[in-house]
Amino acid sequence: MPRIVIVGGGISGLSLAFRLEQALPKAAVTILERDTRVGGKVWTEHHGGFTVEAGPNGFLGTKSTTLQLCRDLGLSAQLIPASDVASRNRFLFHRGKLRLLPSSPLAFLRSDILSWRGKFNFLAERFRISHAASSDESVEEFARRRAGREVAEVLVDAFVTGIHAGDPSLLSLRAAFPRLAALENEYGSVLRGMIASARARRRESEQKGRSSERPGRLWSFREGLGLLVESLRAGLRGQVIVGVGVKRMNRNSDSWAVYGEGRDSWDADAVVLACAAYQQAAILADLDSELARLVGEIPYNRVAVVALGYRRTDVPVSLYGFGYLTPRGSRTDVLGVQWCSSTYPARAPDGMVLLRAICGGWQRPQVVGLDDAQLVRVVAAELRISLGINVTPVFRRIIRWDRAIPQYLVGHLERVSAIEKRVARFPGLFLAGNAYHGVSLNDCTEQAELLTARLASVLGAAR
C-alpha cells in the first residue's frame, strides 16, 4: 500500500489528494496543513448575509479540470454562473471616470478608452510581422512590440493587474500568459489567432449540435468557493491534519521521513510539497540548499482585500457589471473593485450591495500595512470618485495576504526547469502548487491531474 504525504492543504493539495485516491484506491494519502483550516486562499466568509471571498471570486470555464472536479464531487447542481450583465460589462477606471470595455469591433471603434492612434496600433497588430523573441520577454515588451505603447499601458496593464496584481514590465510573457505567446507563434498575430480560435469553437459547437458556449464564463457556488474546499476535505478517505508545520524531510534508502515542528513524523513512499514556495524552500534547506535557493527566490506580492457593504439606495450609479480595474496611469492605491453582488446576486442581503476592492499588489505593497481604518478611507476615497458613494459602509471586512500571488518574473521558466532537474535527483519527491505552472484555480486543478498521472505511474511501477 503506497504511502503519500502531501504538505499543504490548499486547493492544489486537496485536489491532488482527491485525484490520487481515485487513481490509487489502496494508497494511504495524508495531508499536512500548517494553518488551522484547509483551503489556503480559497475560502469564503459569511457575515450577516454578506458572502465574502477571501481569495478568488470564481473560476473560468476555459479549462475543464475544475468543472469536472465539481461534477465528481457531486456539486454540479450547486454551481452558479456569473450573471450575464457581469460577464458582458467590465470597466476601466481611467482618466477619472468609468469606461466600458468594448465587447465588439464597432464598440471598440466608438470607445474612448484609447486614442485613435492607439486604436490603429491595436488593429494593426494583425498585419505586423511576427518575430517572436527567442529569449524570454516581459509582458509589457511583448504588448509594445505587437500593439504599441498605449495598449501596453492601458489595456494590458489592467489585464495583468486583474490576474496577477503584478508589474507587466517584470512578468514573463511565456510563463504568465503562455497562450499569447503561442498565438503569435502559430498564427503570426494574437488577434488573428483569437479570431481563428473563436471560429474553430463555433464549428465544433455546430458539429456537436449545440450553441457555442462563451469560453470566459465565470463560475462559483451560491455559498461561495469555500464549498469546493469543504467538499474536497469531506470526500477524502485519508488523514487531513491541520495545525501541523513541517520542518524538514530526508531520504531513508527507499522511503522518506517527514518531520513536523514538534515530535511527530511521517514515513512515505512519495512526498509532494504543495505549500507556498517559501515554505517549500524552508523544508528543502537541509536536503538540498541549491534547490531551496531556487525555489525560495520565487517572489510573492502583498494584497489586501477590502469588502464593503452599502445600502443600494446609497449607490448613485447602476452596478450593472463585473466591476473595474485601474490602469497604472490612473491608479492610486486601489487596483480594482469587484461588484460582487452584481456578479452573484446572493452575495449581499436584500437592498444591499457588496463591493470588494483589491489593494496593494507588486507596485504598492506598503498599502497592505495600513490599519483597517486607513484602508477603508483609501477605498472610500476612490469610491467617491468612481461610483459617487459618499456614505459610510454598513459592513466591512478586511483580509490581508502578506504573500498573495507568486510572481512569474522574466526567466521564470528557466528557473522552473532548473528546479525540476534538481528534484529529479530525489526519487519520490514532487513539487506542486501555483508557484510553477499557473496561478489560477484552474491551473492548480489541472496540475493536480497531471501530477496524479505521474505519481500513479511511478508508484504503480515500483510495485
Protein backbone atom coordinates (compact mmCIF):
# COMPACT_ATOMS: atom_id res chain seq x y z
CA MET A 1 0.00 0.00 0.00
CA PRO A 2 1.81 3.17 -1.18
CA ARG A 3 2.09 5.94 1.40
CA ILE A 4 1.87 9.50 0.09
CA VAL A 5 2.34 12.61 2.21
CA ILE A 6 1.14 15.93 0.80
CA VAL A 7 2.44 19.03 2.57
CA GLY A 8 -0.07 21.83 2.06
CA GLY A 9 -3.85 21.70 2.20
CA GLY A 10 -4.70 24.43 -0.29
CA ILE A 11 -6.62 23.75 -3.49
CA SER A 12 -3.52 22.15 -5.05
CA GLY A 13 -3.01 19.68 -2.21
CA LEU A 14 -6.69 18.88 -1.76
CA SER A 15 -7.45 18.30 -5.43
CA LEU A 16 -4.27 16.22 -5.78
CA ALA A 17 -5.26 14.03 -2.82
CA PHE A 18 -8.74 13.54 -4.26
CA ARG A 19 -7.41 12.51 -7.67
CA LEU A 20 -4.76 10.24 -6.11
CA GLU A 21 -7.37 8.38 -4.11
CA GLN A 22 -9.31 7.83 -7.33
CA ALA A 23 -6.24 6.64 -9.28
CA LEU A 24 -4.66 4.63 -6.44
CA PRO A 25 -7.55 3.30 -4.32
CA LYS A 26 -5.22 1.40 -2.00
CA ALA A 27 -2.90 4.33 -1.33
CA ALA A 28 -2.69 5.93 2.11
CA VAL A 29 -2.76 9.67 1.44
CA THR A 30 -2.06 12.11 4.26
CA ILE A 31 -2.32 15.91 4.04
CA LEU A 32 -0.35 18.06 6.48
CA GLU A 33 -1.50 21.69 6.70
CA ARG A 34 0.22 24.39 8.75
CA ASP A 35 -2.91 26.53 9.11
CA THR A 36 -5.85 25.65 11.35
CA ARG A 37 -8.05 25.11 8.28
CA VAL A 38 -7.61 23.80 4.75
CA GLY A 39 -8.21 25.75 1.55
CA GLY A 40 -5.36 28.25 1.59
CA LYS A 41 -6.53 31.39 -0.18
CA VAL A 42 -9.67 29.69 -1.48
CA TRP A 43 -12.03 30.46 1.37
CA THR A 44 -15.43 32.04 1.95
CA GLU A 45 -16.70 34.00 4.94
CA HIS A 46 -20.33 34.72 5.82
CA HIS A 47 -21.25 37.77 7.88
CA GLY A 48 -24.81 38.98 8.39
CA GLY A 49 -25.99 37.96 4.95
CA PHE A 50 -22.83 39.10 3.15
CA THR A 51 -20.74 36.42 1.42
CA VAL A 52 -17.09 37.43 1.14
CA GLU A 53 -14.45 35.54 -0.83
CA ALA A 54 -11.05 35.76 0.83
CA GLY A 55 -9.26 34.93 -2.41
CA PRO A 56 -10.54 34.03 -5.89
CA ASN A 57 -14.01 35.27 -6.80
CA GLY A 58 -14.70 32.27 -9.05
CA PHE A 59 -13.11 30.17 -11.76
CA LEU A 60 -13.37 30.37 -15.53
CA GLY A 61 -14.77 27.64 -17.74
CA THR A 62 -11.76 27.89 -20.06
CA LYS A 63 -10.32 24.63 -18.70
CA SER A 64 -12.33 21.53 -17.92
CA THR A 65 -10.48 20.34 -14.82
CA THR A 66 -12.25 22.42 -12.15
CA LEU A 67 -15.72 21.90 -13.61
CA GLN A 68 -15.03 18.16 -13.82
CA LEU A 69 -13.79 18.17 -10.23
CA CYS A 70 -17.08 19.78 -9.19
CA ARG A 71 -19.03 17.11 -11.07
CA ASP A 72 -17.02 14.31 -9.48
CA LEU A 73 -17.75 15.78 -6.04
CA GLY A 74 -21.47 15.87 -6.80
CA LEU A 75 -21.61 19.67 -6.84
CA SER A 76 -22.95 20.24 -10.36
CA ALA A 77 -26.40 21.28 -9.18
CA GLN A 78 -24.89 23.88 -6.85
CA LEU A 79 -22.73 25.58 -9.47
CA ILE A 80 -23.87 29.06 -10.48
CA PRO A 81 -22.57 31.13 -13.41
CA ALA A 82 -21.76 34.79 -13.12
CA SER A 83 -24.68 36.94 -14.19
CA ASP A 84 -24.87 37.80 -17.88
CA VAL A 85 -24.55 41.50 -17.14
CA ALA A 86 -21.38 40.88 -15.15
CA SER A 87 -19.91 38.73 -17.89
CA ARG A 88 -20.77 41.33 -20.52
CA ASN A 89 -19.94 44.61 -18.78
CA ARG A 90 -16.43 45.18 -17.48
CA PHE A 91 -14.97 48.61 -16.90
CA LEU A 92 -11.74 50.54 -16.59
CA PHE A 93 -11.44 53.45 -14.19
CA HIS A 94 -9.33 55.57 -16.48
CA ARG A 95 -8.67 59.31 -16.55
CA GLY A 96 -11.09 59.96 -13.70
CA LYS A 97 -14.17 58.06 -14.90
CA LEU A 98 -15.55 54.60 -15.55
CA ARG A 99 -15.20 53.47 -19.17
CA LEU A 100 -16.88 50.35 -20.53
CA LEU A 101 -14.51 47.85 -22.11
CA PRO A 102 -15.73 47.28 -25.69
CA SER A 103 -17.15 43.85 -26.49
CA SER A 104 -17.32 44.14 -30.30
CA PRO A 105 -15.27 45.74 -33.10
CA LEU A 106 -17.84 48.52 -33.55
CA ALA A 107 -17.92 49.22 -29.82
CA PHE A 108 -14.13 49.31 -29.83
CA LEU A 109 -14.08 51.98 -32.53
CA ARG A 110 -16.60 54.06 -30.58
CA SER A 111 -14.86 53.63 -27.23
CA ASP A 112 -12.87 56.48 -25.68
CA ILE A 113 -10.51 54.20 -23.77
CA LEU A 114 -7.81 54.56 -26.45
CA SER A 115 -6.93 57.42 -28.73
CA TRP A 116 -7.35 56.94 -32.48
CA ARG A 117 -3.64 56.28 -32.75
CA GLY A 118 -3.91 53.65 -30.01
CA LYS A 119 -6.85 52.01 -31.80
CA PHE A 120 -4.97 51.96 -35.07
CA ASN A 121 -1.92 50.33 -33.46
CA PHE A 122 -4.14 47.75 -31.79
CA LEU A 123 -5.94 46.81 -35.02
CA ALA A 124 -2.69 46.84 -36.98
CA GLU A 125 -1.38 44.02 -34.78
CA ARG A 126 -2.94 41.57 -37.24
CA PHE A 127 -0.62 42.75 -40.00
CA ARG A 128 2.65 43.12 -38.12
CA ILE A 129 5.41 40.70 -38.99
CA SER A 130 5.91 38.10 -36.32
CA HIS A 131 9.39 37.88 -34.87
CA ALA A 132 8.77 36.12 -31.61
CA ALA A 133 11.70 36.60 -29.26
CA SER A 134 13.94 33.57 -28.89
CA SER A 135 14.57 34.55 -25.28
CA ASP A 136 12.02 35.42 -22.64
CA GLU A 137 10.47 38.87 -22.75
CA SER A 138 8.23 40.78 -20.38
CA VAL A 139 4.50 41.12 -20.93
CA GLU A 140 4.97 44.86 -21.47
CA GLU A 141 7.73 44.37 -24.06
CA PHE A 142 5.50 41.96 -25.95
CA ALA A 143 2.50 44.31 -25.85
CA ARG A 144 4.55 47.29 -27.04
CA ARG A 145 6.09 45.25 -29.83
CA ARG A 146 2.77 43.89 -31.04
CA ALA A 147 0.28 46.71 -30.34
CA GLY A 148 2.07 49.87 -29.23
CA ARG A 149 2.69 51.89 -26.07
CA GLU A 150 -0.89 52.94 -25.34
CA VAL A 151 -2.30 49.41 -25.49
CA ALA A 152 0.52 48.23 -23.23
CA GLU A 153 -0.01 50.96 -20.63
CA VAL A 154 -3.81 50.88 -20.56
CA LEU A 155 -5.36 47.58 -21.66
CA VAL A 156 -2.52 45.14 -20.98
CA ASP A 157 -1.56 46.76 -17.69
CA ALA A 158 -5.15 46.42 -16.46
CA PHE A 159 -5.30 42.82 -17.72
CA VAL A 160 -2.14 41.92 -15.79
CA THR A 161 -3.45 43.69 -12.69
CA GLY A 162 -6.66 41.69 -12.73
CA ILE A 163 -4.89 38.32 -12.79
CA HIS A 164 -1.50 38.77 -11.14
CA ALA A 165 -1.65 42.15 -9.35
CA GLY A 166 1.84 42.46 -10.79
CA ASP A 167 4.11 44.64 -12.90
CA PRO A 168 3.85 43.87 -16.64
CA SER A 169 7.36 45.22 -17.18
CA LEU A 170 8.69 42.41 -14.94
CA LEU A 171 6.37 39.47 -15.58
CA SER A 172 7.40 36.83 -18.12
CA LEU A 173 5.09 36.54 -21.12
CA ARG A 174 5.82 32.86 -21.71
CA ALA A 175 5.27 31.96 -18.05
CA ALA A 176 2.37 34.24 -17.12
CA PHE A 177 0.49 34.30 -20.46
CA PRO A 178 1.69 31.31 -22.50
CA ARG A 179 -1.39 31.40 -24.72
CA LEU A 180 -0.49 34.85 -26.08
CA ALA A 181 3.00 33.65 -26.98
CA ALA A 182 1.53 30.52 -28.59
CA LEU A 183 -0.92 32.54 -30.70
CA GLU A 184 1.88 34.66 -32.12
CA ASN A 185 4.00 31.59 -32.82
CA GLU A 186 1.18 29.69 -34.52
CA TYR A 187 -0.71 32.45 -36.34
CA GLY A 188 1.81 35.26 -36.53
CA SER A 189 -0.65 37.53 -34.70
CA VAL A 190 -2.56 37.43 -31.42
CA LEU A 191 -5.70 38.94 -32.96
CA ARG A 192 -5.57 36.61 -35.95
CA GLY A 193 -5.13 33.65 -33.62
CA MET A 194 -8.02 34.68 -31.38
CA ILE A 195 -10.33 35.06 -34.38
CA ALA A 196 -9.27 31.66 -35.73
CA SER A 197 -9.78 30.05 -32.31
CA ALA A 198 -13.27 31.56 -31.99
CA ARG A 199 -14.22 30.23 -35.43
CA ALA A 200 -12.92 26.78 -34.52
CA ARG A 201 -15.03 26.76 -31.34
CA ARG A 202 -18.14 27.74 -33.31
CA ARG A 203 -17.52 24.97 -35.87
CA GLU A 204 -17.02 22.42 -33.13
CA SER A 205 -20.21 23.52 -31.37
CA GLU A 206 -22.20 23.34 -34.61
CA GLN A 207 -20.88 19.85 -35.36
CA LYS A 208 -21.97 18.73 -31.89
CA GLY A 209 -25.35 20.36 -32.35
CA ARG A 210 -25.16 22.83 -29.51
CA SER A 211 -24.82 26.58 -29.25
CA SER A 212 -21.35 27.99 -28.73
CA GLU A 213 -20.64 28.46 -25.03
CA ARG A 214 -18.89 31.66 -24.07
CA PRO A 215 -15.35 30.50 -23.14
CA GLY A 216 -14.74 33.08 -20.41
CA ARG A 217 -17.80 32.25 -18.25
CA LEU A 218 -17.10 32.66 -14.54
CA TRP A 219 -18.41 30.04 -12.11
CA SER A 220 -18.86 29.73 -8.37
CA PHE A 221 -21.37 28.37 -5.85
CA ARG A 222 -24.21 30.13 -4.09
CA GLU A 223 -22.39 29.52 -0.78
CA GLY A 224 -19.06 30.61 -2.28
CA LEU A 225 -15.93 28.76 -3.28
CA GLY A 226 -15.45 27.54 0.27
CA LEU A 227 -17.95 24.81 -0.63
CA LEU A 228 -15.42 23.30 -3.04
CA VAL A 229 -12.76 23.17 -0.33
CA GLU A 230 -15.14 21.71 2.27
CA SER A 231 -16.42 19.11 -0.19
CA LEU A 232 -12.90 18.05 -1.12
CA ARG A 233 -11.96 17.54 2.51
CA ALA A 234 -15.17 15.64 3.22
CA GLY A 235 -14.59 13.44 0.16
CA LEU A 236 -11.13 12.25 1.20
CA ARG A 237 -10.56 8.87 2.84
CA GLY A 238 -7.08 9.67 4.12
CA GLN A 239 -5.99 11.84 7.01
CA VAL A 240 -6.12 15.62 6.84
CA ILE A 241 -4.11 17.02 9.73
CA VAL A 242 -4.28 20.78 10.33
CA GLY A 243 -2.17 22.95 12.61
CA VAL A 244 0.96 21.00 11.68
CA GLY A 245 4.05 22.77 10.39
CA VAL A 246 6.58 20.65 8.53
CA LYS A 247 10.18 21.41 9.45
CA ARG A 248 12.28 19.15 7.23
CA MET A 249 12.44 15.86 5.37
CA ASN A 250 15.08 13.30 4.49
CA ARG A 251 15.53 10.24 2.32
CA ASN A 252 15.99 6.85 4.03
CA SER A 253 17.14 4.29 1.45
CA ASP A 254 13.89 3.72 -0.50
CA SER A 255 11.46 5.89 1.50
CA TRP A 256 11.04 9.35 3.01
CA ALA A 257 10.67 10.69 6.52
CA VAL A 258 8.78 13.95 7.01
CA TYR A 259 9.31 15.75 10.32
CA GLY A 260 6.87 18.15 11.93
CA GLU A 261 7.87 21.10 14.08
CA GLY A 262 7.02 19.02 17.15
CA ARG A 263 7.94 15.40 17.68
CA ASP A 264 5.65 13.95 15.05
CA SER A 265 7.00 12.36 11.88
CA TRP A 266 5.52 10.53 8.90
CA ASP A 267 7.04 7.86 6.66
CA ALA A 268 6.19 7.97 2.97
CA ASP A 269 6.99 6.37 -0.36
CA ALA A 270 6.32 9.73 -2.04
CA VAL A 271 6.20 13.29 -0.73
CA VAL A 272 4.53 16.20 -2.51
CA LEU A 273 5.26 19.72 -1.35
CA ALA A 274 2.11 21.63 -2.34
CA CYS A 275 2.55 24.55 0.03
CA ALA A 276 3.82 28.02 -0.92
CA ALA A 277 7.29 28.27 -2.50
CA TYR A 278 8.86 30.00 0.50
CA GLN A 279 7.56 27.21 2.76
CA GLN A 280 8.89 24.58 0.37
CA ALA A 281 12.29 26.28 0.43
CA ALA A 282 12.47 26.09 4.24
CA ILE A 283 11.57 22.38 4.20
CA LEU A 284 14.14 21.62 1.48
CA ALA A 285 17.01 23.59 3.03
CA ASP A 286 18.68 20.62 4.75
CA LEU A 287 18.04 18.28 1.84
CA ASP A 288 19.43 20.43 -0.99
CA SER A 289 20.46 24.02 -0.33
CA GLU A 290 20.68 24.91 -4.04
CA LEU A 291 17.19 23.57 -4.70
CA ALA A 292 15.92 25.51 -1.69
CA ARG A 293 17.55 28.68 -3.01
CA LEU A 294 15.97 28.33 -6.46
CA VAL A 295 12.52 27.70 -5.00
CA GLY A 296 12.82 30.37 -2.34
CA GLU A 297 13.65 33.10 -4.85
CA ILE A 298 10.20 32.92 -6.46
CA PRO A 299 8.71 36.20 -5.19
CA TYR A 300 5.19 36.94 -3.97
CA ASN A 301 3.23 40.18 -3.87
CA ARG A 302 1.16 41.62 -0.99
CA VAL A 303 -2.57 42.15 -1.37
CA ALA A 304 -5.36 43.44 0.85
CA VAL A 305 -8.99 42.51 0.15
CA VAL A 306 -11.36 45.22 1.38
CA ALA A 307 -15.01 44.12 1.25
CA LEU A 308 -17.55 46.87 1.86
CA GLY A 309 -21.34 46.66 2.03
CA TYR A 310 -23.68 49.56 1.23
CA ARG A 311 -27.40 50.16 1.02
CA ARG A 312 -28.35 50.01 -2.62
CA THR A 313 -30.07 53.40 -2.35
CA ASP A 314 -26.75 54.95 -1.26
CA VAL A 315 -25.01 53.97 -4.51
CA PRO A 316 -25.97 56.60 -7.10
CA VAL A 317 -24.84 54.62 -10.18
CA SER A 318 -26.11 51.32 -11.56
CA LEU A 319 -23.77 48.46 -10.80
CA TYR A 320 -24.56 46.52 -13.96
CA GLY A 321 -21.27 44.76 -14.49
CA PHE A 322 -18.39 42.78 -13.04
CA GLY A 323 -16.51 45.79 -11.71
CA TYR A 324 -13.50 47.78 -12.82
CA LEU A 325 -9.72 47.74 -13.00
CA THR A 326 -7.45 50.77 -12.88
CA PRO A 327 -4.52 51.12 -15.34
CA ARG A 328 -1.26 52.39 -13.91
CA GLY A 329 -1.64 55.94 -15.24
CA SER A 330 -4.83 56.44 -13.24
CA ARG A 331 -4.06 54.21 -10.27
CA THR A 332 -3.95 55.26 -6.64
CA ASP A 333 -3.71 52.51 -4.02
CA VAL A 334 -6.68 50.52 -5.34
CA LEU A 335 -6.02 48.04 -8.15
CA GLY A 336 -9.68 47.49 -8.90
CA VAL A 337 -13.13 46.96 -7.43
CA GLN A 338 -15.34 43.90 -7.98
CA TRP A 339 -19.11 44.36 -7.83
CA CYS A 340 -19.69 41.04 -6.09
CA SER A 341 -23.45 41.28 -5.60
CA SER A 342 -23.89 42.08 -9.30
CA THR A 343 -21.75 39.13 -10.37
CA TYR A 344 -23.51 36.74 -7.97
CA PRO A 345 -26.71 38.38 -6.66
CA ALA A 346 -26.90 36.29 -3.47
CA ARG A 347 -23.67 37.82 -2.15
CA ALA A 348 -25.50 40.57 -0.22
CA PRO A 349 -28.79 40.83 1.71
CA ASP A 350 -31.86 42.31 0.01
CA GLY A 351 -31.47 46.02 -0.51
CA MET A 352 -27.68 45.87 -0.12
CA VAL A 353 -24.68 45.69 -2.42
CA LEU A 354 -21.26 44.17 -1.78
CA LEU A 355 -18.09 45.65 -3.29
CA ARG A 356 -14.65 44.08 -2.99
CA ALA A 357 -11.62 46.31 -3.52
CA ILE A 358 -8.18 44.81 -4.17
CA CYS A 359 -5.35 46.95 -2.82
CA GLY A 360 -1.56 46.80 -2.85
CA GLY A 361 -0.03 44.44 -5.37
CA TRP A 362 3.54 44.37 -6.60
CA GLN A 363 3.91 48.11 -7.08
CA ARG A 364 2.20 49.29 -3.85
CA PRO A 365 2.95 46.65 -1.18
CA GLN A 366 3.05 49.23 1.63
CA VAL A 367 -0.71 49.74 1.36
CA VAL A 368 -1.30 46.30 2.88
CA GLY A 369 0.34 47.53 6.09
CA LEU A 370 -2.21 50.29 6.69
CA ASP A 371 -4.58 49.73 9.59
CA ASP A 372 -8.22 48.90 8.96
CA ALA A 373 -9.49 52.46 9.28
CA GLN A 374 -6.84 53.77 6.87
CA LEU A 375 -7.56 51.06 4.32
CA VAL A 376 -11.29 51.81 4.41
CA ARG A 377 -10.55 55.52 3.94
CA VAL A 378 -8.32 54.76 0.94
CA VAL A 379 -11.05 52.68 -0.73
CA ALA A 380 -13.85 55.07 0.22
CA ALA A 381 -11.94 58.00 -1.30
CA GLU A 382 -11.77 56.21 -4.65
CA LEU A 383 -15.40 55.06 -4.49
CA ARG A 384 -16.47 58.69 -4.08
CA ILE A 385 -14.84 59.45 -7.42
CA SER A 386 -15.55 56.26 -9.33
CA LEU A 387 -19.07 55.45 -8.10
CA GLY A 388 -20.19 58.63 -6.32
CA ILE A 389 -20.60 56.90 -2.95
CA ASN A 390 -20.46 59.45 -0.13
CA VAL A 391 -21.69 57.44 2.87
CA THR A 392 -20.09 55.17 5.45
CA PRO A 393 -20.40 51.47 4.60
CA VAL A 394 -22.78 49.42 6.69
CA PHE A 395 -20.45 46.42 6.53
CA ARG A 396 -16.72 45.96 6.16
CA ARG A 397 -14.31 43.02 6.20
CA ILE A 398 -10.57 43.27 5.52
CA ILE A 399 -8.35 40.31 4.66
CA ARG A 400 -4.60 40.77 4.25
CA TRP A 401 -2.33 38.44 2.33
CA ASP A 402 1.33 39.25 3.03
CA ARG A 403 2.30 36.69 0.40
CA ALA A 404 -0.58 36.56 -2.01
CA ILE A 405 0.23 35.63 -5.62
CA PRO A 406 3.57 34.23 -6.87
CA GLN A 407 5.11 36.48 -9.50
CA TYR A 408 6.45 34.81 -12.64
CA LEU A 409 9.26 37.25 -13.43
CA VAL A 410 11.24 37.13 -16.68
CA GLY A 411 13.31 33.96 -16.56
CA HIS A 412 10.70 32.03 -14.57
CA LEU A 413 10.53 29.08 -16.97
CA GLU A 414 14.30 28.67 -16.89
CA ARG A 415 14.14 28.70 -13.08
CA VAL A 416 11.38 26.08 -13.06
CA SER A 417 13.41 23.91 -15.44
CA ALA A 418 16.42 24.11 -13.12
CA ILE A 419 14.21 23.25 -10.14
CA GLU A 420 12.73 20.23 -11.88
CA LYS A 421 16.19 18.93 -12.83
CA ARG A 422 17.33 19.06 -9.20
CA VAL A 423 14.10 17.50 -7.92
CA ALA A 424 14.63 14.59 -10.34
CA ARG A 425 17.68 13.62 -8.27
CA PHE A 426 15.34 12.62 -5.43
CA PRO A 427 13.02 9.70 -6.34
CA GLY A 428 9.61 10.10 -4.79
CA LEU A 429 9.85 13.88 -4.28
CA PHE A 430 7.46 16.16 -6.17
CA LEU A 431 6.76 19.90 -6.05
CA ALA A 432 3.30 21.33 -6.71
CA GLY A 433 1.25 24.47 -6.12
CA ASN A 434 0.74 27.71 -8.01
CA ALA A 435 4.37 28.84 -7.85
CA TYR A 436 5.35 26.97 -11.01
CA HIS A 437 2.85 26.39 -13.82
CA GLY A 438 -0.02 28.85 -13.38
CA VAL A 439 -1.55 30.89 -10.57
CA SER A 440 -5.27 30.36 -11.19
CA LEU A 441 -7.56 27.85 -9.53
CA ASN A 442 -7.92 26.12 -12.91
CA ASP A 443 -4.14 25.82 -13.20
CA CYS A 444 -3.98 24.18 -9.76
CA THR A 445 -6.62 21.55 -10.56
CA GLU A 446 -5.07 20.89 -13.97
CA GLN A 447 -1.62 20.36 -12.45
CA ALA A 448 -3.17 18.06 -9.84
CA GLU A 449 -4.45 15.79 -12.61
CA LEU A 450 -1.09 15.80 -14.40
CA LEU A 451 0.81 15.06 -11.20
CA THR A 452 -1.62 12.29 -10.29
CA ALA A 453 -0.78 10.52 -13.55
CA ARG A 454 2.94 10.81 -12.81
CA LEU A 455 2.59 9.51 -9.26
CA ALA A 456 0.33 6.67 -10.33
CA SER A 457 2.91 5.64 -12.93
CA VAL A 458 5.85 5.83 -10.53
CA LEU A 459 4.21 4.11 -7.58
CA GLY A 460 2.49 1.54 -9.78
CA ALA A 461 5.79 0.64 -11.46
CA ALA A 462 7.50 0.37 -8.07
CA ARG A 463 5.04 -2.38 -7.18
